[in-house]
Structure formats: C-alpha cells, structure tokens
C-alpha cells in the first residue's frame, strides 16, 4: 500500500504543488490539506504517515518567517503532532516549513517549554535565490539515509535562513549528529559568503531531531527532481538528487 502524505497548506504557502509532485514521483499517495480543515478534523492526521510543511511565505511572513503558522500549530495541534511523532511517523519542513518547525519547538528537539534555536535574516541583508553546494553529514536522519558524505547542489530561496542557537545548543547538535546538511565550499563546511548564503552558524543547512524522523532544511529538494532543472549544462549525466530525499521518506513510511 502506498504511504499517505499530508501536505499542509495555509495562506502564503506556494511550494505545495511541487512538493506534491515530488512525493507522487516517489510513489506516495498525496493529499493537500488546509490548516483550517485540520483544526476542525484533528483525527484526520492519523490517516497519514508523512506530514509536510512546504515552502512559501506563510501569512506573508508577518512578524517573522513562519511565526504565525507555528503559533497555530502549538495552540491547536500540539497534542496531535506529539502523538504523530510518538507513533514513529515522519515530518519534513522545507524552507518556510523549516522555520515553522523550529518556531513550533519541534526542532531541533521536541522541547515544549522553550525554543532552542531560530532562523533569522540573512547576513547579506537580502533575499538569496540561487543554487548552493551542500554536504550530507553522517546522521540517523531518515530523509538523508544512505547519502552520508555525498555532495549535492540544491536551490535556496529565502530572506531569513540563518540558523542561530547558543553555543551550548550547537555543541549538542554536533555531539548527537543532528546536522544532516551543511553549506560547503570545496567540499568543506563554510561560513564564507556566498557559499554559505545566509551566515548560518556551523554552516547548518538542515537539522533533524534525535529520532531522525523530523527533518527541516532551507534548500528546496522539490525543485530538483529532473536533470534538466540543473542550472549548469554538462556532458555527464546529472543525478536529480532532490528525488532521493523524498524516496527515502516513502521507503521508510512503507514499513509503518
């Protein structure tokens, strides 16, 4: 049976269709669900194995990116999300979705009492929309399973993508291998602009929780599903690496 994927949509989300297509290519049954509908039918979440918070500009990124969306999740769906995670299911937040997961305290660890990290304005002071080089680090992240130490390129498109946390919290992320994805230059993690597009501390492009089943990243894997989307002409075959992240999730969810 195909795993069921819930693409959660609200005002300002605009990457939902690409994300639907990505999961359909990976072999899942995908349904776009309005956030307000889920508030009214909370048990609907039980029908899915994967929950997705796609990219966009939820509520116009008023206050700070993802803040209103995150507040709604904490106020109306906190118990349901905790149960979803407890039952071993998967959650991924891409770009704005990553900002939401961090502000909803679902990443980097499920700490309901306080927010452990944040995503703030790019050091460049401008919206960054281009391709970046990344390295997949060793971790237990379900979405990057089998990709450790590989280099990849994915596009970014954000104005508030700088991952920021206190040094002690960053050390904990390092110690527990909760940083599956970093910005790199010459295959080495970097703070240098433009290779690190936002100034993220420790070159962090994505983090996961301790279970490896909740993952957030600023780059957009749903925008690299076909070789012809690659921005550089090449005589060699180009592997659309974005597909791998979605395939990993669907393969895992088939076991649930």
C-alpha atoms as a PDB file:
ATOM      1  CA  UNK A   1       0.000   0.000   0.000  1.00  0.00           C
ATOM      2  CA  UNK A   2       1.221   3.487  -0.845  1.00  0.00           C
ATOM      3  CA  UNK A   3       2.148   5.640   2.159  1.00  0.00           C
ATOM      4  CA  UNK A   4      -0.140   8.619   2.659  1.00  0.00           C
ATOM      5  CA  UNK A   5       1.396  12.083   2.690  1.00  0.00           C
ATOM      6  CA  UNK A   6      -0.269  15.201   4.073  1.00  0.00           C
ATOM      7  CA  UNK A   7       0.883  18.468   2.501  1.00  0.00           C
ATOM      8  CA  UNK A   8      -0.224  21.115   4.977  1.00  0.00           C
ATOM      9  CA  UNK A   9      -1.260  24.369   3.303  1.00  0.00           C
ATOM     10  CA  UNK A  10      -2.241  27.774   4.616  1.00  0.00           C
ATOM     11  CA  UNK A  11      -2.240  31.376   3.373  1.00  0.00           C
ATOM     12  CA  UNK A  12       1.024  32.255   1.646  1.00  0.00           C
ATOM     13  CA  UNK A  13       2.301  28.707   1.082  1.00  0.00           C
ATOM     14  CA  UNK A  14       3.299  28.468  -2.579  1.00  0.00           C
ATOM     15  CA  UNK A  15       5.527  25.399  -2.964  1.00  0.00           C
ATOM     16  CA  UNK A  16       2.832  22.836  -2.282  1.00  0.00           C
ATOM     17  CA  UNK A  17       2.295  21.663  -5.865  1.00  0.00           C
ATOM     18  CA  UNK A  18       5.988  20.957  -6.482  1.00  0.00           C
ATOM     19  CA  UNK A  19       6.103  19.043  -3.209  1.00  0.00           C
ATOM     20  CA  UNK A  20       3.006  17.030  -4.110  1.00  0.00           C
ATOM     21  CA  UNK A  21       4.674  16.084  -7.387  1.00  0.00           C
ATOM     22  CA  UNK A  22       7.906  15.109  -5.611  1.00  0.00           C
ATOM     23  CA  UNK A  23       6.141  12.682  -3.291  1.00  0.00           C
ATOM     24  CA  UNK A  24       3.999  11.284  -6.106  1.00  0.00           C
ATOM     25  CA  UNK A  25       7.167  10.570  -8.100  1.00  0.00           C
ATOM     26  CA  UNK A  26       8.475   8.747  -5.039  1.00  0.00           C
ATOM     27  CA  UNK A  27       5.397   6.518  -5.024  1.00  0.00           C
ATOM     28  CA  UNK A  28       3.193   8.023  -2.319  1.00  0.00           C
ATOM     29  CA  UNK A  29      -0.471   8.906  -2.195  1.00  0.00           C
ATOM     30  CA  UNK A  30      -0.540  12.654  -1.542  1.00  0.00           C
ATOM     31  CA  UNK A  31      -3.281  14.912  -0.232  1.00  0.00           C
ATOM     32  CA  UNK A  32      -3.133  18.667   0.266  1.00  0.00           C
ATOM     33  CA  UNK A  33      -4.924  19.614   3.488  1.00  0.00           C
ATOM     34  CA  UNK A  34      -5.845  23.134   4.524  1.00  0.00           C
ATOM     35  CA  UNK A  35      -4.649  24.007   8.005  1.00  0.00           C
ATOM     36  CA  UNK A  36      -8.096  25.279   8.974  1.00  0.00           C
ATOM     37  CA  UNK A  37      -9.637  21.987   7.865  1.00  0.00           C
ATOM     38  CA  UNK A  38      -7.202  20.075  10.057  1.00  0.00           C
ATOM     39  CA  UNK A  39      -8.151  22.234  13.034  1.00  0.00           C
ATOM     40  CA  UNK A  40     -11.757  21.127  12.564  1.00  0.00           C
ATOM     41  CA  UNK A  41     -10.911  17.471  11.854  1.00  0.00           C
ATOM     42  CA  UNK A  42      -7.874  16.733  14.004  1.00  0.00           C
ATOM     43  CA  UNK A  43      -8.223  12.966  13.752  1.00  0.00           C
ATOM     44  CA  UNK A  44      -7.555  13.276  10.021  1.00  0.00           C
ATOM     45  CA  UNK A  45      -3.841  13.477  10.808  1.00  0.00           C
ATOM     46  CA  UNK A  46      -3.946   9.838  11.975  1.00  0.00           C
ATOM     47  CA  UNK A  47      -4.585   8.735   8.389  1.00  0.00           C
ATOM     48  CA  UNK A  48      -1.141   9.855   7.190  1.00  0.00           C
ATOM     49  CA  UNK A  49       2.379   8.504   7.600  1.00  0.00           C
ATOM     50  CA  UNK A  50       4.223  11.653   6.457  1.00  0.00           C
ATOM     51  CA  UNK A  51       3.433  15.280   7.291  1.00  0.00           C
ATOM     52  CA  UNK A  52       4.938  18.021   5.125  1.00  0.00           C
ATOM     53  CA  UNK A  53       5.249  21.742   5.794  1.00  0.00           C
ATOM     54  CA  UNK A  54       6.211  23.109   2.377  1.00  0.00           C
ATOM     55  CA  UNK A  55       7.924  26.322   1.394  1.00  0.00           C
ATOM     56  CA  UNK A  56       6.427  29.721   0.772  1.00  0.00           C
ATOM     57  CA  UNK A  57       5.651  32.806   2.785  1.00  0.00           C
ATOM     58  CA  UNK A  58       3.023  31.746   5.290  1.00  0.00           C
ATOM     59  CA  UNK A  59       0.848  34.705   6.254  1.00  0.00           C
ATOM     60  CA  UNK A  60       3.185  36.959   4.315  1.00  0.00           C
ATOM     61  CA  UNK A  61       5.990  36.218   6.795  1.00  0.00           C
ATOM     62  CA  UNK A  62       4.444  38.871   9.015  1.00  0.00           C
ATOM     63  CA  UNK A  63       6.207  39.300  12.409  1.00  0.00           C
ATOM     64  CA  UNK A  64       8.929  36.797  11.429  1.00  0.00           C
ATOM     65  CA  UNK A  65       9.017  33.954   8.922  1.00  0.00           C
ATOM     66  CA  UNK A  66       6.787  31.061   9.968  1.00  0.00           C
ATOM     67  CA  UNK A  67       5.842  32.559  13.343  1.00  0.00           C
ATOM     68  CA  UNK A  68       2.066  32.718  12.902  1.00  0.00           C
ATOM     69  CA  UNK A  69       1.929  29.244  11.331  1.00  0.00           C
ATOM     70  CA  UNK A  70       3.998  27.888  14.248  1.00  0.00           C
ATOM     71  CA  UNK A  71       1.763  29.548  16.839  1.00  0.00           C
ATOM     72  CA  UNK A  72      -1.317  27.970  15.261  1.00  0.00           C
ATOM     73  CA  UNK A  73       0.283  24.529  15.371  1.00  0.00           C
ATOM     74  CA  UNK A  74       1.218  24.942  19.035  1.00  0.00           C
ATOM     75  CA  UNK A  75      -2.198  26.281  20.018  1.00  0.00           C
ATOM     76  CA  UNK A  76      -4.433  23.885  18.111  1.00  0.00           C
ATOM     77  CA  UNK A  77      -2.465  20.762  17.127  1.00  0.00           C
ATOM     78  CA  UNK A  78       0.288  20.294  19.686  1.00  0.00           C
ATOM     79  CA  UNK A  79      -1.108  17.081  21.157  1.00  0.00           C
ATOM     80  CA  UNK A  80      -1.842  15.599  17.741  1.00  0.00           C
ATOM     81  CA  UNK A  81       1.670  16.407  16.485  1.00  0.00           C
ATOM     82  CA  UNK A  82       3.242  14.877  19.576  1.00  0.00           C
ATOM     83  CA  UNK A  83       1.223  11.698  19.029  1.00  0.00           C
ATOM     84  CA  UNK A  84       2.146  11.687  15.329  1.00  0.00           C
ATOM     85  CA  UNK A  85       5.842  11.761  16.257  1.00  0.00           C
ATOM     86  CA  UNK A  86       5.428   9.246  19.091  1.00  0.00           C
ATOM     87  CA  UNK A  87       3.937   6.746  16.652  1.00  0.00           C
ATOM     88  CA  UNK A  88       7.114   6.824  14.551  1.00  0.00           C
ATOM     89  CA  UNK A  89       5.805   8.854  11.644  1.00  0.00           C
ATOM     90  CA  UNK A  90       7.753  11.385   9.566  1.00  0.00           C
ATOM     91  CA  UNK A  91       7.694  15.177   9.392  1.00  0.00           C
ATOM     92  CA  UNK A  92       9.622  17.359   6.961  1.00  0.00           C
ATOM     93  CA  UNK A  93       9.675  21.154   6.777  1.00  0.00           C
ATOM     94  CA  UNK A  94      11.202  22.817   3.721  1.00  0.00           C
ATOM     95  CA  UNK A  95      12.356  26.463   3.852  1.00  0.00           C
ATOM     96  CA  UNK A  96       9.351  28.238   5.402  1.00  0.00           C
ATOM     97  CA  UNK A  97       8.341  24.831   6.754  1.00  0.00           C
ATOM     98  CA  UNK A  98      11.723  24.540   8.471  1.00  0.00           C
ATOM     99  CA  UNK A  99      11.187  27.953  10.054  1.00  0.00           C
ATOM    100  CA  UNK A 100       7.793  26.777  11.289  1.00  0.00           C
ATOM    101  CA  UNK A 101       9.170  23.554  12.811  1.00  0.00           C
ATOM    102  CA  UNK A 102      11.863  25.466  14.691  1.00  0.00           C
ATOM    103  CA  UNK A 103       9.451  28.094  15.984  1.00  0.00           C
ATOM    104  CA  UNK A 104       6.902  25.434  16.908  1.00  0.00           C
ATOM    105  CA  UNK A 105       9.654  23.831  19.034  1.00  0.00           C
ATOM    106  CA  UNK A 106       9.568  20.572  17.087  1.00  0.00           C
ATOM    107  CA  UNK A 107      13.194  21.099  16.014  1.00  0.00           C
ATOM    108  CA  UNK A 108      15.975  20.650  16.816  1.00  0.00           C
ATOM    109  CA  UNK A 109      14.495  18.743  19.758  1.00  0.00           C
ATOM    110  CA  UNK A 110      10.944  18.480  20.923  1.00  0.00           C
ATOM    111  CA  UNK A 111      11.258  20.988  23.795  1.00  0.00           C
ATOM    112  CA  UNK A 112       7.796  22.253  24.596  1.00  0.00           C
ATOM    113  CA  UNK A 113       8.990  24.636  27.294  1.00  0.00           C
ATOM    114  CA  UNK A 114      11.316  26.772  25.203  1.00  0.00           C
ATOM    115  CA  UNK A 115      12.556  27.429  21.700  1.00  0.00           C
ATOM    116  CA  UNK A 116      16.111  26.122  21.279  1.00  0.00           C
ATOM    117  CA  UNK A 117      17.056  27.795  18.005  1.00  0.00           C
ATOM    118  CA  UNK A 118      15.778  30.227  15.413  1.00  0.00           C
ATOM    119  CA  UNK A 119      16.187  31.259  11.791  1.00  0.00           C
ATOM    120  CA  UNK A 120      16.963  34.936  11.322  1.00  0.00           C
ATOM    121  CA  UNK A 121      17.674  37.372   8.497  1.00  0.00           C
ATOM    122  CA  UNK A 122      20.442  36.546   6.045  1.00  0.00           C
ATOM    123  CA  UNK A 123      23.779  38.199   6.807  1.00  0.00           C
ATOM    124  CA  UNK A 124      23.738  39.593   3.257  1.00  0.00           C
ATOM    125  CA  UNK A 125      20.657  41.640   4.136  1.00  0.00           C
ATOM    126  CA  UNK A 126      18.886  40.449   1.002  1.00  0.00           C
ATOM    127  CA  UNK A 127      16.774  37.623  -0.351  1.00  0.00           C
ATOM    128  CA  UNK A 128      19.023  34.813  -1.634  1.00  0.00           C
ATOM    129  CA  UNK A 129      17.647  32.871  -4.596  1.00  0.00           C
ATOM    130  CA  UNK A 130      20.204  30.585  -6.242  1.00  0.00           C
ATOM    131  CA  UNK A 131      21.841  27.182  -6.154  1.00  0.00           C
ATOM    132  CA  UNK A 132      24.242  26.213  -3.371  1.00  0.00           C
ATOM    133  CA  UNK A 133      26.680  23.394  -2.709  1.00  0.00           C
ATOM    134  CA  UNK A 134      25.870  21.077   0.185  1.00  0.00           C
ATOM    135  CA  UNK A 135      27.360  18.128   2.005  1.00  0.00           C
ATOM    136  CA  UNK A 136      25.302  15.364   3.573  1.00  0.00           C
ATOM    137  CA  UNK A 137      26.696  14.584   7.002  1.00  0.00           C
ATOM    138  CA  UNK A 138      26.550  11.332   8.944  1.00  0.00           C
ATOM    139  CA  UNK A 139      23.315  11.190  10.955  1.00  0.00           C
ATOM    140  CA  UNK A 140      20.314   8.989  11.589  1.00  0.00           C
ATOM    141  CA  UNK A 141      18.072  11.280   9.515  1.00  0.00           C
ATOM    142  CA  UNK A 142      15.596   9.127   7.606  1.00  0.00           C
ATOM    143  CA  UNK A 143      15.408  11.594   4.712  1.00  0.00           C
ATOM    144  CA  UNK A 144      19.172  11.510   4.010  1.00  0.00           C
ATOM    145  CA  UNK A 145      19.644   7.808   4.656  1.00  0.00           C
ATOM    146  CA  UNK A 146      22.432   6.345   2.512  1.00  0.00           C
ATOM    147  CA  UNK A 147      23.672   9.748   1.364  1.00  0.00           C
ATOM    148  CA  UNK A 148      26.302  10.480   4.036  1.00  0.00           C
ATOM    149  CA  UNK A 149      29.457  12.229   2.755  1.00  0.00           C
ATOM    150  CA  UNK A 150      27.877  12.930  -0.628  1.00  0.00           C
ATOM    151  CA  UNK A 151      27.994  16.387  -2.195  1.00  0.00           C
ATOM    152  CA  UNK A 152      24.919  17.843  -3.824  1.00  0.00           C
ATOM    153  CA  UNK A 153      23.542  21.066  -5.204  1.00  0.00           C
ATOM    154  CA  UNK A 154      20.077  22.390  -4.426  1.00  0.00           C
ATOM    155  CA  UNK A 155      18.415  25.784  -4.844  1.00  0.00           C
ATOM    156  CA  UNK A 156      17.675  28.133  -1.956  1.00  0.00           C
ATOM    157  CA  UNK A 157      15.153  30.974  -1.888  1.00  0.00           C
ATOM    158  CA  UNK A 158      14.851  32.783   1.430  1.00  0.00           C
ATOM    159  CA  UNK A 159      15.388  36.027   3.278  1.00  0.00           C
ATOM    160  CA  UNK A 160      15.546  34.566   6.799  1.00  0.00           C
ATOM    161  CA  UNK A 161      17.655  31.430   6.602  1.00  0.00           C
ATOM    162  CA  UNK A 162      20.430  31.962   9.132  1.00  0.00           C
ATOM    163  CA  UNK A 163      20.308  29.143  11.678  1.00  0.00           C
ATOM    164  CA  UNK A 164      21.152  30.587  15.076  1.00  0.00           C
ATOM    165  CA  UNK A 165      21.436  28.996  18.523  1.00  0.00           C
ATOM    166  CA  UNK A 166      23.565  29.318  21.646  1.00  0.00           C
ATOM    167  CA  UNK A 167      26.959  27.643  21.501  1.00  0.00           C
ATOM    168  CA  UNK A 168      25.939  25.002  24.033  1.00  0.00           C
ATOM    169  CA  UNK A 169      22.933  24.027  21.926  1.00  0.00           C
ATOM    170  CA  UNK A 170      25.048  23.957  18.766  1.00  0.00           C
ATOM    171  CA  UNK A 171      27.532  21.696  20.538  1.00  0.00           C
ATOM    172  CA  UNK A 172      24.676  19.342  21.415  1.00  0.00           C
ATOM    173  CA  UNK A 173      23.614  19.212  17.776  1.00  0.00           C
ATOM    174  CA  UNK A 174      27.166  18.328  16.781  1.00  0.00           C
ATOM    175  CA  UNK A 175      27.544  15.754  19.563  1.00  0.00           C
ATOM    176  CA  UNK A 176      24.310  13.981  18.634  1.00  0.00           C
ATOM    177  CA  UNK A 177      24.867  14.156  14.854  1.00  0.00           C
ATOM    178  CA  UNK A 178      21.709  16.186  14.299  1.00  0.00           C
ATOM    179  CA  UNK A 179      23.065  18.256  11.391  1.00  0.00           C
ATOM    180  CA  UNK A 180      22.433  16.184   8.250  1.00  0.00           C
ATOM    181  CA  UNK A 181      23.107  19.011   5.794  1.00  0.00           C
ATOM    182  CA  UNK A 182      25.710  21.807   5.609  1.00  0.00           C
ATOM    183  CA  UNK A 183      26.703  24.540   3.185  1.00  0.00           C
ATOM    184  CA  UNK A 184      30.145  23.851   1.718  1.00  0.00           C
ATOM    185  CA  UNK A 185      32.891  25.314  -0.454  1.00  0.00           C
ATOM    186  CA  UNK A 186      35.478  22.969  -1.935  1.00  0.00           C
ATOM    187  CA  UNK A 187      33.631  20.202  -0.074  1.00  0.00           C
ATOM    188  CA  UNK A 188      34.282  21.803   3.316  1.00  0.00           C
ATOM    189  CA  UNK A 189      31.676  23.428   5.611  1.00  0.00           C
ATOM    190  CA  UNK A 190      31.941  27.188   5.318  1.00  0.00           C
ATOM    191  CA  UNK A 191      30.778  30.440   6.874  1.00  0.00           C
ATOM    192  CA  UNK A 192      32.021  32.325   3.815  1.00  0.00           C
ATOM    193  CA  UNK A 193      29.549  34.215   1.637  1.00  0.00           C
ATOM    194  CA  UNK A 194      28.243  33.490  -0.981  1.00  0.00           C
ATOM    195  CA  UNK A 195      28.846  29.765  -0.428  1.00  0.00           C
ATOM    196  CA  UNK A 196      27.000  29.973   2.866  1.00  0.00           C
ATOM    197  CA  UNK A 197      24.057  32.030   1.577  1.00  0.00           C
ATOM    198  CA  UNK A 198      22.757  33.272   4.911  1.00  0.00           C
ATOM    199  CA  UNK A 199      25.542  33.068   7.500  1.00  0.00           C
ATOM    200  CA  UNK A 200      24.102  30.010   9.290  1.00  0.00           C
ATOM    201  CA  UNK A 201      26.243  29.084  12.298  1.00  0.00           C
ATOM    202  CA  UNK A 202      28.269  25.905  11.815  1.00  0.00           C
ATOM    203  CA  UNK A 203      27.213  26.102   8.121  1.00  0.00           C
ATOM    204  CA  UNK A 204      23.907  24.451   9.047  1.00  0.00           C
ATOM    205  CA  UNK A 205      21.533  23.954   6.124  1.00  0.00           C
ATOM    206  CA  UNK A 206      19.276  21.420   7.844  1.00  0.00           C
ATOM    207  CA  UNK A 207      18.733  19.717  11.189  1.00  0.00           C
ATOM    208  CA  UNK A 208      16.853  16.664  12.430  1.00  0.00           C
ATOM    209  CA  UNK A 209      15.565  15.558  15.805  1.00  0.00           C
ATOM    210  CA  UNK A 210      17.171  12.768  17.815  1.00  0.00           C
ATOM    211  CA  UNK A 211      14.906  10.150  16.207  1.00  0.00           C
ATOM    212  CA  UNK A 212      15.902  11.203  12.686  1.00  0.00           C
ATOM    213  CA  UNK A 213      12.227  11.302  11.717  1.00  0.00           C
ATOM    214  CA  UNK A 214      11.666  15.073  11.941  1.00  0.00           C
ATOM    215  CA  UNK A 215      13.762  16.997   9.424  1.00  0.00           C
ATOM    216  CA  UNK A 216      13.941  20.641   8.430  1.00  0.00           C
ATOM    217  CA  UNK A 217      16.083  22.216   5.718  1.00  0.00           C
ATOM    218  CA  UNK A 218      16.361  25.579   3.989  1.00  0.00           C
ATOM    219  CA  UNK A 219      17.249  24.299   0.463  1.00  0.00           C
ATOM    220  CA  UNK A 220      14.429  23.121  -1.825  1.00  0.00           C
ATOM    221  CA  UNK A 221      14.793  19.448  -2.876  1.00  0.00           C
ATOM    222  CA  UNK A 222      11.406  19.614  -4.599  1.00  0.00           C
ATOM    223  CA  UNK A 223      12.965  21.958  -7.163  1.00  0.00           C
ATOM    224  CA  UNK A 224      15.500  19.409  -8.364  1.00  0.00           C
ATOM    225  CA  UNK A 225      13.524  16.373  -9.498  1.00  0.00           C
ATOM    226  CA  UNK A 226      14.695  16.282 -13.131  1.00  0.00           C
ATOM    227  CA  UNK A 227      18.130  16.558 -14.714  1.00  0.00           C
ATOM    228  CA  UNK A 228      17.038  19.450 -16.946  1.00  0.00           C
ATOM    229  CA  UNK A 229      16.439  21.590 -13.843  1.00  0.00           C
ATOM    230  CA  UNK A 230      20.176  21.638 -13.108  1.00  0.00           C
ATOM    231  CA  UNK A 231      21.495  25.158 -13.818  1.00  0.00           C
ATOM    232  CA  UNK A 232      24.779  24.116 -15.483  1.00  0.00           C
ATOM    233  CA  UNK A 233      24.998  22.342 -18.828  1.00  0.00           C
ATOM    234  CA  UNK A 234      27.006  19.147 -18.530  1.00  0.00           C
ATOM    235  CA  UNK A 235      28.112  16.379 -20.851  1.00  0.00           C
ATOM    236  CA  UNK A 236      27.814  13.960 -17.955  1.00  0.00           C
ATOM    237  CA  UNK A 237      24.596  12.528 -16.605  1.00  0.00           C
ATOM    238  CA  UNK A 238      23.142  14.688 -13.834  1.00  0.00           C
ATOM    239  CA  UNK A 239      21.527  12.964 -10.879  1.00  0.00           C
ATOM    240  CA  UNK A 240      18.449  14.907  -9.674  1.00  0.00           C
ATOM    241  CA  UNK A 241      19.324  14.444  -6.022  1.00  0.00           C
ATOM    242  CA  UNK A 242      16.163  16.098  -4.729  1.00  0.00           C
ATOM    243  CA  UNK A 243      14.273  12.900  -5.548  1.00  0.00           C
ATOM    244  CA  UNK A 244      16.384  10.888  -3.130  1.00  0.00           C
ATOM    245  CA  UNK A 245      15.144  12.789  -0.080  1.00  0.00           C
ATOM    246  CA  UNK A 246      11.517  12.037  -0.940  1.00  0.00           C
ATOM    247  CA  UNK A 247      12.234   8.438  -1.944  1.00  0.00           C
ATOM    248  CA  UNK A 248      13.911   7.776   1.385  1.00  0.00           C
ATOM    249  CA  UNK A 249      10.865   9.072   3.236  1.00  0.00           C
ATOM    250  CA  UNK A 250       8.418   6.990   1.204  1.00  0.00           C
ATOM    251  CA  UNK A 251      10.504   3.809   1.567  1.00  0.00           C
ATOM    252  CA  UNK A 252      10.610   4.271   5.328  1.00  0.00           C
ATOM    253  CA  UNK A 253       6.895   5.050   5.569  1.00  0.00           C
ATOM    254  CA  UNK A 254       6.013   1.854   3.689  1.00  0.00           C
ATOM    255  CA  UNK A 255       7.119  -0.044   6.795  1.00  0.00           C
ATOM    256  CA  UNK A 256       4.747   1.811   9.144  1.00  0.00           C
END
